[in-house]
Amino acid sequence: MPDRTVTLPTADHGPVTLPEPSWCTGHESVPGDLRVDILHQGPDVELTFHGHVIATASLIQSPFAERFSRNVGVSLSLLGETCDPAGVDEFAAALVAHATDLRHLARQLAVILGGGQ
């Protein structure tokens, strides 16, 4: 099944048409965006602790990146929190519980990159 295509306005290259991966949830563009700013992003997986989102993870790709890799990867955003020893243990337990979500993203990325599994 071929990927979709999307055409996005850019300030430096005009309309840019490119393949859009099936996992991409769409694009937000604003006037002045450059071609290098184009980002494919999958849905966020929210990791929560004590009712707060502590991190999000998602598939991403910057197909025209100049300073970073153009390969598909997983973006992982982690927010800090100060905890006592019991809180640190609870935090670790929450991370273990969310490891399944992260492993799913790792396997999805491996398939996308041709590594199987």
C-alpha atoms as a PDB file:
ATOM      1  CA  MET A   1       0.000   0.000   0.000  1.00  0.00           C
ATOM      2  CA  PRO A   2       1.694   3.242  -1.087  1.00  0.00           C
ATOM      3  CA  ASP A   3       1.986   6.142   1.298  1.00  0.00           C
ATOM      4  CA  ARG A   4      -0.181   9.210   0.777  1.00  0.00           C
ATOM      5  CA  THR A   5       1.184  12.511  -0.439  1.00  0.00           C
ATOM      6  CA  VAL A   6       0.709  15.917   1.102  1.00  0.00           C
ATOM      7  CA  THR A   7       1.402  19.400  -0.246  1.00  0.00           C
ATOM      8  CA  LEU A   8       2.544  21.971   2.295  1.00  0.00           C
ATOM      9  CA  PRO A   9       3.235  25.696   1.821  1.00  0.00           C
ATOM     10  CA  THR A  10       6.765  26.863   2.599  1.00  0.00           C
ATOM     11  CA  ALA A  11       8.260  30.344   2.618  1.00  0.00           C
ATOM     12  CA  ASP A  12      11.488  29.261   0.923  1.00  0.00           C
ATOM     13  CA  HIS A  13      10.412  26.585  -1.621  1.00  0.00           C
ATOM     14  CA  GLY A  14       6.735  27.389  -2.243  1.00  0.00           C
ATOM     15  CA  PRO A  15       4.325  24.437  -2.153  1.00  0.00           C
ATOM     16  CA  VAL A  16       6.212  21.212  -1.370  1.00  0.00           C
ATOM     17  CA  THR A  17       4.620  17.860  -2.219  1.00  0.00           C
ATOM     18  CA  LEU A  18       6.060  14.855  -0.421  1.00  0.00           C
ATOM     19  CA  PRO A  19       5.125  11.312   0.622  1.00  0.00           C
ATOM     20  CA  GLU A  20       3.249  11.144   3.901  1.00  0.00           C
ATOM     21  CA  PRO A  21       3.741   8.019   6.030  1.00  0.00           C
ATOM     22  CA  SER A  22       0.598   6.114   7.020  1.00  0.00           C
ATOM     23  CA  TRP A  23       1.335   6.770  10.707  1.00  0.00           C
ATOM     24  CA  CYS A  24       1.443  10.577  10.281  1.00  0.00           C
ATOM     25  CA  THR A  25      -1.533  12.347  11.872  1.00  0.00           C
ATOM     26  CA  GLY A  26      -1.277  15.486   9.755  1.00  0.00           C
ATOM     27  CA  HIS A  27       0.611  18.734   9.621  1.00  0.00           C
ATOM     28  CA  GLU A  28       0.273  22.171  11.133  1.00  0.00           C
ATOM     29  CA  SER A  29       1.772  24.919   9.038  1.00  0.00           C
ATOM     30  CA  VAL A  30       1.906  28.640   9.595  1.00  0.00           C
ATOM     31  CA  PRO A  31       3.000  31.406   7.249  1.00  0.00           C
ATOM     32  CA  GLY A  32       6.772  31.664   7.263  1.00  0.00           C
ATOM     33  CA  ASP A  33       7.436  27.950   7.768  1.00  0.00           C
ATOM     34  CA  LEU A  34      10.482  26.724   5.910  1.00  0.00           C
ATOM     35  CA  ARG A  35      10.862  23.396   4.116  1.00  0.00           C
ATOM     36  CA  VAL A  36      13.282  22.321   6.853  1.00  0.00           C
ATOM     37  CA  ASP A  37      10.425  22.802   9.395  1.00  0.00           C
ATOM     38  CA  ILE A  38       8.268  20.050   7.843  1.00  0.00           C
ATOM     39  CA  LEU A  39       7.652  17.324  10.428  1.00  0.00           C
ATOM     40  CA  HIS A  40       5.749  14.050  10.152  1.00  0.00           C
ATOM     41  CA  GLN A  41       4.412  13.093  13.579  1.00  0.00           C
ATOM     42  CA  GLY A  42       2.373  10.124  14.749  1.00  0.00           C
ATOM     43  CA  PRO A  43      -0.137  10.147  17.578  1.00  0.00           C
ATOM     44  CA  ASP A  44       1.233  10.883  21.049  1.00  0.00           C
ATOM     45  CA  VAL A  45       1.405   8.084  23.576  1.00  0.00           C
ATOM     46  CA  GLU A  46       0.911   9.759  26.956  1.00  0.00           C
ATOM     47  CA  LEU A  47       2.793   8.368  29.953  1.00  0.00           C
ATOM     48  CA  THR A  48       1.125   9.433  33.200  1.00  0.00           C
ATOM     49  CA  PHE A  49       2.179   9.468  36.848  1.00  0.00           C
ATOM     50  CA  HIS A  50       0.004  10.676  39.717  1.00  0.00           C
ATOM     51  CA  GLY A  51      -2.552  11.882  37.197  1.00  0.00           C
ATOM     52  CA  HIS A  52      -0.034  14.064  35.335  1.00  0.00           C
ATOM     53  CA  VAL A  53       1.384  13.479  31.885  1.00  0.00           C
ATOM     54  CA  ILE A  54       5.104  13.027  32.584  1.00  0.00           C
ATOM     55  CA  ALA A  55       6.143  12.222  29.070  1.00  0.00           C
ATOM     56  CA  THR A  56       4.863  11.736  25.578  1.00  0.00           C
ATOM     57  CA  ALA A  57       6.320   9.564  22.880  1.00  0.00           C
ATOM     58  CA  SER A  58       5.532   9.466  19.181  1.00  0.00           C
ATOM     59  CA  LEU A  59       6.958   8.506  15.826  1.00  0.00           C
ATOM     60  CA  ILE A  60       8.512  11.478  14.019  1.00  0.00           C
ATOM     61  CA  GLN A  61      10.429  12.277  10.869  1.00  0.00           C
ATOM     62  CA  SER A  62      11.889  15.512   9.540  1.00  0.00           C
ATOM     63  CA  PRO A  63      12.383  14.679   5.855  1.00  0.00           C
ATOM     64  CA  PHE A  64      14.291  17.905   5.069  1.00  0.00           C
ATOM     65  CA  ALA A  65      16.283  18.248   8.309  1.00  0.00           C
ATOM     66  CA  GLU A  66      19.653  19.935   7.949  1.00  0.00           C
ATOM     67  CA  ARG A  67      21.106  19.599  11.457  1.00  0.00           C
ATOM     68  CA  PHE A  68      19.419  16.387  12.614  1.00  0.00           C
ATOM     69  CA  SER A  69      18.721  12.955  11.178  1.00  0.00           C
ATOM     70  CA  ARG A  70      16.116  12.609   8.452  1.00  0.00           C
ATOM     71  CA  ASN A  71      15.375   9.046   9.572  1.00  0.00           C
ATOM     72  CA  VAL A  72      12.151   8.016  11.312  1.00  0.00           C
ATOM     73  CA  GLY A  73      12.591   8.001  15.080  1.00  0.00           C
ATOM     74  CA  VAL A  74      10.669   8.116  18.352  1.00  0.00           C
ATOM     75  CA  SER A  75      10.403  11.484  20.073  1.00  0.00           C
ATOM     76  CA  LEU A  76      10.354  11.068  23.854  1.00  0.00           C
ATOM     77  CA  SER A  77       9.568  14.056  26.059  1.00  0.00           C
ATOM     78  CA  LEU A  78      10.099  13.592  29.796  1.00  0.00           C
ATOM     79  CA  LEU A  79       9.037  16.114  32.447  1.00  0.00           C
ATOM     80  CA  GLY A  80      10.747  16.268  35.860  1.00  0.00           C
ATOM     81  CA  GLU A  81       9.242  15.847  39.305  1.00  0.00           C
ATOM     82  CA  THR A  82      10.867  15.857  42.774  1.00  0.00           C
ATOM     83  CA  CYS A  83      10.059  12.707  44.759  1.00  0.00           C
ATOM     84  CA  ASP A  84      10.950  11.097  48.077  1.00  0.00           C
ATOM     85  CA  PRO A  85      12.221   7.473  48.063  1.00  0.00           C
ATOM     86  CA  ALA A  86       8.696   6.055  47.978  1.00  0.00           C
ATOM     87  CA  GLY A  87       7.790   8.445  45.192  1.00  0.00           C
ATOM     88  CA  VAL A  88      10.850   7.418  43.209  1.00  0.00           C
ATOM     89  CA  ASP A  89       9.804   3.768  43.580  1.00  0.00           C
ATOM     90  CA  GLU A  90       6.274   4.673  42.435  1.00  0.00           C
ATOM     91  CA  PHE A  91       7.724   6.585  39.502  1.00  0.00           C
ATOM     92  CA  ALA A  92       9.873   3.597  38.527  1.00  0.00           C
ATOM     93  CA  ALA A  93       6.824   1.337  38.723  1.00  0.00           C
ATOM     94  CA  ALA A  94       4.906   3.721  36.448  1.00  0.00           C
ATOM     95  CA  LEU A  95       7.772   3.664  33.936  1.00  0.00           C
ATOM     96  CA  VAL A  96       7.781  -0.144  33.975  1.00  0.00           C
ATOM     97  CA  ALA A  97       4.025  -0.120  33.350  1.00  0.00           C
ATOM     98  CA  HIS A  98       4.503   2.227  30.377  1.00  0.00           C
ATOM     99  CA  ALA A  99       7.364   0.159  28.958  1.00  0.00           C
ATOM    100  CA  THR A 100       4.780  -1.808  26.962  1.00  0.00           C
ATOM    101  CA  ASP A 101       3.777   1.373  25.107  1.00  0.00           C
ATOM    102  CA  LEU A 102       7.408   2.218  24.400  1.00  0.00           C
ATOM    103  CA  ARG A 103       8.166  -1.343  23.240  1.00  0.00           C
ATOM    104  CA  HIS A 104       5.195  -1.138  20.873  1.00  0.00           C
ATOM    105  CA  LEU A 105       6.620   2.070  19.375  1.00  0.00           C
ATOM    106  CA  ALA A 106      10.063   0.425  19.100  1.00  0.00           C
ATOM    107  CA  ARG A 107       8.600  -2.515  17.161  1.00  0.00           C
ATOM    108  CA  GLN A 108       6.544  -0.186  14.948  1.00  0.00           C
ATOM    109  CA  LEU A 109       9.707   1.798  14.215  1.00  0.00           C
ATOM    110  CA  ALA A 110      11.653  -1.406  13.446  1.00  0.00           C
ATOM    111  CA  VAL A 111       9.008  -2.425  10.891  1.00  0.00           C
ATOM    112  CA  ILE A 112       9.075   1.047   9.309  1.00  0.00           C
ATOM    113  CA  LEU A 113      12.872   0.914   9.071  1.00  0.00           C
ATOM    114  CA  GLY A 114      12.736  -2.600   7.597  1.00  0.00           C
ATOM    115  CA  GLY A 115      14.058  -4.400  10.655  1.00  0.00           C
ATOM    116  CA  GLY A 116      10.957  -6.564  11.074  1.00  0.00           C
ATOM    117  CA  GLN A 117       9.334  -7.820  14.273  1.00  0.00           C
END
